[in-house]
């Protein structure tokens, strides 16, 4: 399972007033996802990027039956919970904790924050949706209290059906998140400049 391996950048956690937790995709790395920060309005944030064992958070599609991705999925969610606890222990409250993920990392990010809904600083998810062969509403509790969320995706995307993105948006809106989704025709499995612009305007403002 996953051990807690963290790469940090930006302002040291001990002196930062905001933190951005950045979750890489399948086959990516903590260093890869950290490189996106140079394009975001996060100059004064502590940047925290956990690293998945073997660069993969869970082995199968995010839409596989949940049991197929265990124990890796639960282990990955626990890594995020541990990171959030560490940030809070450093003196940064939840409302100043931000999340960003791409692809598998976006799925993990969305699933984690929706399992622990609260007033966070904001969430930017580039191509992702809630995890499971179907959506299990009983897994998701809490109140986002108008947390700003941006979800961008391509239609079509080879890994994330746009229907799952819409279903995710509906769940999060019902839990009082301020969600903006943007669907790009034939964008491909990547992060676009327009998504970065939206994230800066809506989340990292």
Protein backbone atom coordinates (compact mmCIF):
# COMPACT_ATOMS: atom_id res chain seq x y z
CA UNK A 1 0.00 0.00 0.00
CA UNK A 2 1.00 3.64 -0.03
CA UNK A 3 3.60 5.00 2.30
CA UNK A 4 3.50 8.70 3.10
CA UNK A 5 5.99 10.26 0.69
CA UNK A 6 5.58 14.01 0.34
CA UNK A 7 7.32 16.50 -1.92
CA UNK A 8 6.95 20.14 -0.89
CA UNK A 9 7.58 23.47 -2.56
CA UNK A 10 6.50 27.08 -2.26
CA UNK A 11 6.26 28.75 1.15
CA UNK A 12 7.29 26.50 4.05
CA UNK A 13 4.26 25.05 5.82
CA UNK A 14 5.31 26.51 9.15
CA UNK A 15 5.06 30.08 7.83
CA UNK A 16 2.38 29.75 5.11
CA UNK A 17 -1.18 30.97 5.58
CA UNK A 18 -2.57 28.80 2.76
CA UNK A 19 -1.75 25.30 1.52
CA UNK A 20 -2.37 23.60 -1.82
CA UNK A 21 -2.41 19.80 -1.87
CA UNK A 22 -1.59 18.59 -5.39
CA UNK A 23 -2.40 15.03 -6.51
CA UNK A 24 -0.68 13.56 -9.56
CA UNK A 25 -2.25 11.19 -12.08
CA UNK A 26 -1.52 7.58 -12.98
CA UNK A 27 2.05 7.28 -14.20
CA UNK A 28 2.79 10.86 -13.13
CA UNK A 29 4.85 12.07 -10.21
CA UNK A 30 4.71 14.57 -7.39
CA UNK A 31 7.29 16.67 -9.23
CA UNK A 32 5.10 16.68 -12.38
CA UNK A 33 2.05 18.01 -10.60
CA UNK A 34 4.09 20.57 -8.64
CA UNK A 35 5.28 22.06 -11.94
CA UNK A 36 1.71 23.26 -12.62
CA UNK A 37 1.97 25.65 -9.67
CA UNK A 38 4.08 28.07 -11.70
CA UNK A 39 0.96 28.85 -13.75
CA UNK A 40 -1.34 29.38 -10.75
CA UNK A 41 -1.92 32.30 -8.39
CA UNK A 42 -0.37 30.43 -5.49
CA UNK A 43 2.89 32.31 -4.87
CA UNK A 44 2.39 32.48 -1.11
CA UNK A 45 0.99 28.96 -0.64
CA UNK A 46 2.68 25.93 0.86
CA UNK A 47 2.65 23.34 -1.95
CA UNK A 48 2.31 19.72 -0.89
CA UNK A 49 2.39 16.82 -3.33
CA UNK A 50 2.04 13.25 -2.04
CA UNK A 51 3.64 10.53 -4.15
CA UNK A 52 1.81 7.30 -4.99
CA UNK A 53 3.64 3.99 -4.68
CA UNK A 54 4.73 2.99 -8.19
CA UNK A 55 3.17 6.26 -9.44
CA UNK A 56 -0.36 4.84 -9.29
CA UNK A 57 -2.99 5.54 -6.63
CA UNK A 58 -5.14 2.50 -7.47
CA UNK A 59 -4.68 -0.22 -10.11
CA UNK A 60 -7.88 -0.21 -12.18
CA UNK A 61 -10.18 2.36 -13.75
CA UNK A 62 -11.84 4.76 -11.33
CA UNK A 63 -15.14 3.28 -12.58
CA UNK A 64 -14.22 -0.31 -11.69
CA UNK A 65 -16.12 -1.98 -8.82
CA UNK A 66 -14.72 -0.45 -5.64
CA UNK A 67 -13.40 -3.75 -4.30
CA UNK A 68 -11.13 -4.20 -7.31
CA UNK A 69 -9.17 -1.07 -6.37
CA UNK A 70 -8.73 -2.08 -2.73
CA UNK A 71 -6.73 -1.88 -0.57
CA UNK A 72 -5.02 0.79 -2.68
CA UNK A 73 -7.94 3.21 -2.84
CA UNK A 74 -8.52 3.27 0.91
CA UNK A 75 -4.78 3.66 1.42
CA UNK A 76 -4.67 6.61 -1.00
CA UNK A 77 -7.61 8.30 0.74
CA UNK A 78 -5.83 7.79 4.06
CA UNK A 79 -2.69 9.48 2.70
CA UNK A 80 -4.78 12.55 1.86
CA UNK A 81 -6.44 12.51 5.26
CA UNK A 82 -3.02 12.36 6.93
CA UNK A 83 -1.76 15.26 4.82
CA UNK A 84 -4.80 17.39 5.65
CA UNK A 85 -4.37 16.62 9.36
CA UNK A 86 -0.72 17.64 9.15
CA UNK A 87 -1.63 20.94 7.46
CA UNK A 88 -4.27 21.68 10.11
CA UNK A 89 -1.80 20.81 12.86
CA UNK A 90 0.60 23.37 11.38
CA UNK A 91 -2.00 26.07 12.03
CA UNK A 92 -3.70 26.37 8.63
CA UNK A 93 -7.50 26.00 8.93
CA UNK A 94 -9.59 23.98 6.46
CA UNK A 95 -10.91 27.12 4.79
CA UNK A 96 -7.34 27.90 3.70
CA UNK A 97 -6.60 24.39 2.39
CA UNK A 98 -6.88 23.97 -1.39
CA UNK A 99 -6.79 20.86 -3.57
CA UNK A 100 -5.74 20.22 -7.16
CA UNK A 101 -5.63 16.96 -9.09
CA UNK A 102 -5.24 15.71 -12.64
CA UNK A 103 -6.82 12.55 -14.09
CA UNK A 104 -6.51 9.74 -11.52
CA UNK A 105 -5.41 12.43 -9.09
CA UNK A 106 -8.51 14.49 -9.91
CA UNK A 107 -10.73 11.48 -9.20
CA UNK A 108 -8.98 10.88 -5.89
CA UNK A 109 -9.18 14.58 -5.01
CA UNK A 110 -12.91 14.81 -5.75
CA UNK A 111 -13.69 11.61 -3.89
CA UNK A 112 -11.69 12.68 -0.84
CA UNK A 113 -13.14 16.17 -0.49
CA UNK A 114 -16.69 14.90 -1.04
CA UNK A 115 -16.23 12.22 1.62
CA UNK A 116 -15.07 14.98 3.98
CA UNK A 117 -17.11 17.95 2.77
CA UNK A 118 -16.36 21.17 4.65
CA UNK A 119 -15.55 24.78 3.85
CA UNK A 120 -12.23 24.33 2.09
CA UNK A 121 -10.34 27.05 0.28
CA UNK A 122 -11.17 25.55 -3.10
CA UNK A 123 -10.80 22.57 -5.41
CA UNK A 124 -9.47 22.38 -8.99
CA UNK A 125 -10.03 19.02 -10.69
CA UNK A 126 -8.67 18.56 -14.19
CA UNK A 127 -10.48 15.56 -15.77
CA UNK A 128 -12.02 13.51 -12.98
CA UNK A 129 -15.14 12.32 -11.21
CA UNK A 130 -16.30 10.50 -8.10
CA UNK A 131 -14.93 6.97 -7.85
CA UNK A 132 -16.85 3.71 -8.30
CA UNK A 133 -18.74 1.49 -10.74
CA UNK A 134 -21.61 3.78 -9.79
CA UNK A 135 -21.87 6.73 -7.44
CA UNK A 136 -22.50 5.70 -3.84
CA UNK A 137 -24.21 8.70 -2.19
CA UNK A 138 -23.87 7.13 1.26
CA UNK A 139 -20.09 7.67 1.08
CA UNK A 140 -20.46 11.43 0.86
CA UNK A 141 -21.38 13.54 3.85
CA UNK A 142 -20.93 17.08 5.09
CA UNK A 143 -21.50 20.59 3.81
CA UNK A 144 -19.11 22.36 1.45
CA UNK A 145 -20.46 25.73 2.65
CA UNK A 146 -19.95 27.30 -0.79
CA UNK A 147 -16.42 25.99 -1.35
CA UNK A 148 -15.46 27.01 -4.91
CA UNK A 149 -14.85 24.00 -7.17
CA UNK A 150 -13.71 23.97 -10.79
CA UNK A 151 -13.92 20.76 -12.84
CA UNK A 152 -12.65 20.75 -16.43
CA UNK A 153 -12.83 17.79 -18.81
CA UNK A 154 -12.83 16.77 -22.45
CA UNK A 155 -15.78 15.26 -24.28
CA UNK A 156 -14.95 12.64 -25.19
CA UNK A 157 -12.17 11.64 -22.80
CA UNK A 158 -10.59 8.16 -23.02
CA UNK A 159 -10.74 7.61 -19.24
CA UNK A 160 -13.49 9.82 -17.78
CA UNK A 161 -16.99 9.76 -19.30
CA UNK A 162 -18.57 13.20 -19.28
CA UNK A 163 -21.72 11.66 -17.72
CA UNK A 164 -19.73 10.86 -14.57
CA UNK A 165 -18.46 14.44 -14.44
CA UNK A 166 -22.03 15.77 -14.57
CA UNK A 167 -23.16 13.30 -11.88
CA UNK A 168 -20.25 14.39 -9.70
CA UNK A 169 -21.14 18.05 -10.15
CA UNK A 170 -24.72 17.33 -9.10
CA UNK A 171 -23.66 15.51 -5.92
CA UNK A 172 -21.28 18.30 -4.95
CA UNK A 173 -23.82 21.04 -5.67
CA UNK A 174 -26.35 19.20 -3.52
CA UNK A 175 -23.75 19.33 -0.73
CA UNK A 176 -23.54 23.11 -1.10
CA UNK A 177 -20.38 23.41 -3.21
CA UNK A 178 -20.08 26.32 -5.63
CA UNK A 179 -19.19 24.18 -8.66
CA UNK A 180 -18.25 25.38 -12.13
CA UNK A 181 -17.76 22.69 -14.76
CA UNK A 182 -16.32 23.29 -18.22
CA UNK A 183 -16.54 20.62 -20.91
CA UNK A 184 -14.16 21.02 -23.86
CA UNK A 185 -14.96 19.29 -27.15
CA UNK A 186 -12.16 16.93 -28.23
CA UNK A 187 -9.59 18.56 -25.93
CA UNK A 188 -7.86 15.27 -25.20
CA UNK A 189 -6.48 14.00 -21.91
CA UNK A 190 -4.52 17.05 -20.88
CA UNK A 191 -4.71 20.35 -18.98
CA UNK A 192 -5.50 23.38 -21.12
CA UNK A 193 -4.60 27.02 -20.61
CA UNK A 194 -8.30 27.82 -20.38
CA UNK A 195 -8.64 25.40 -17.46
CA UNK A 196 -5.71 27.09 -15.72
CA UNK A 197 -7.36 30.47 -16.30
CA UNK A 198 -10.65 29.24 -14.84
CA UNK A 199 -8.89 27.75 -11.83
CA UNK A 200 -7.09 31.03 -11.16
CA UNK A 201 -10.26 33.08 -11.51
CA UNK A 202 -12.61 30.80 -9.57
CA UNK A 203 -10.45 28.98 -7.03
CA UNK A 204 -7.08 30.67 -6.51
CA UNK A 205 -8.46 34.19 -6.42
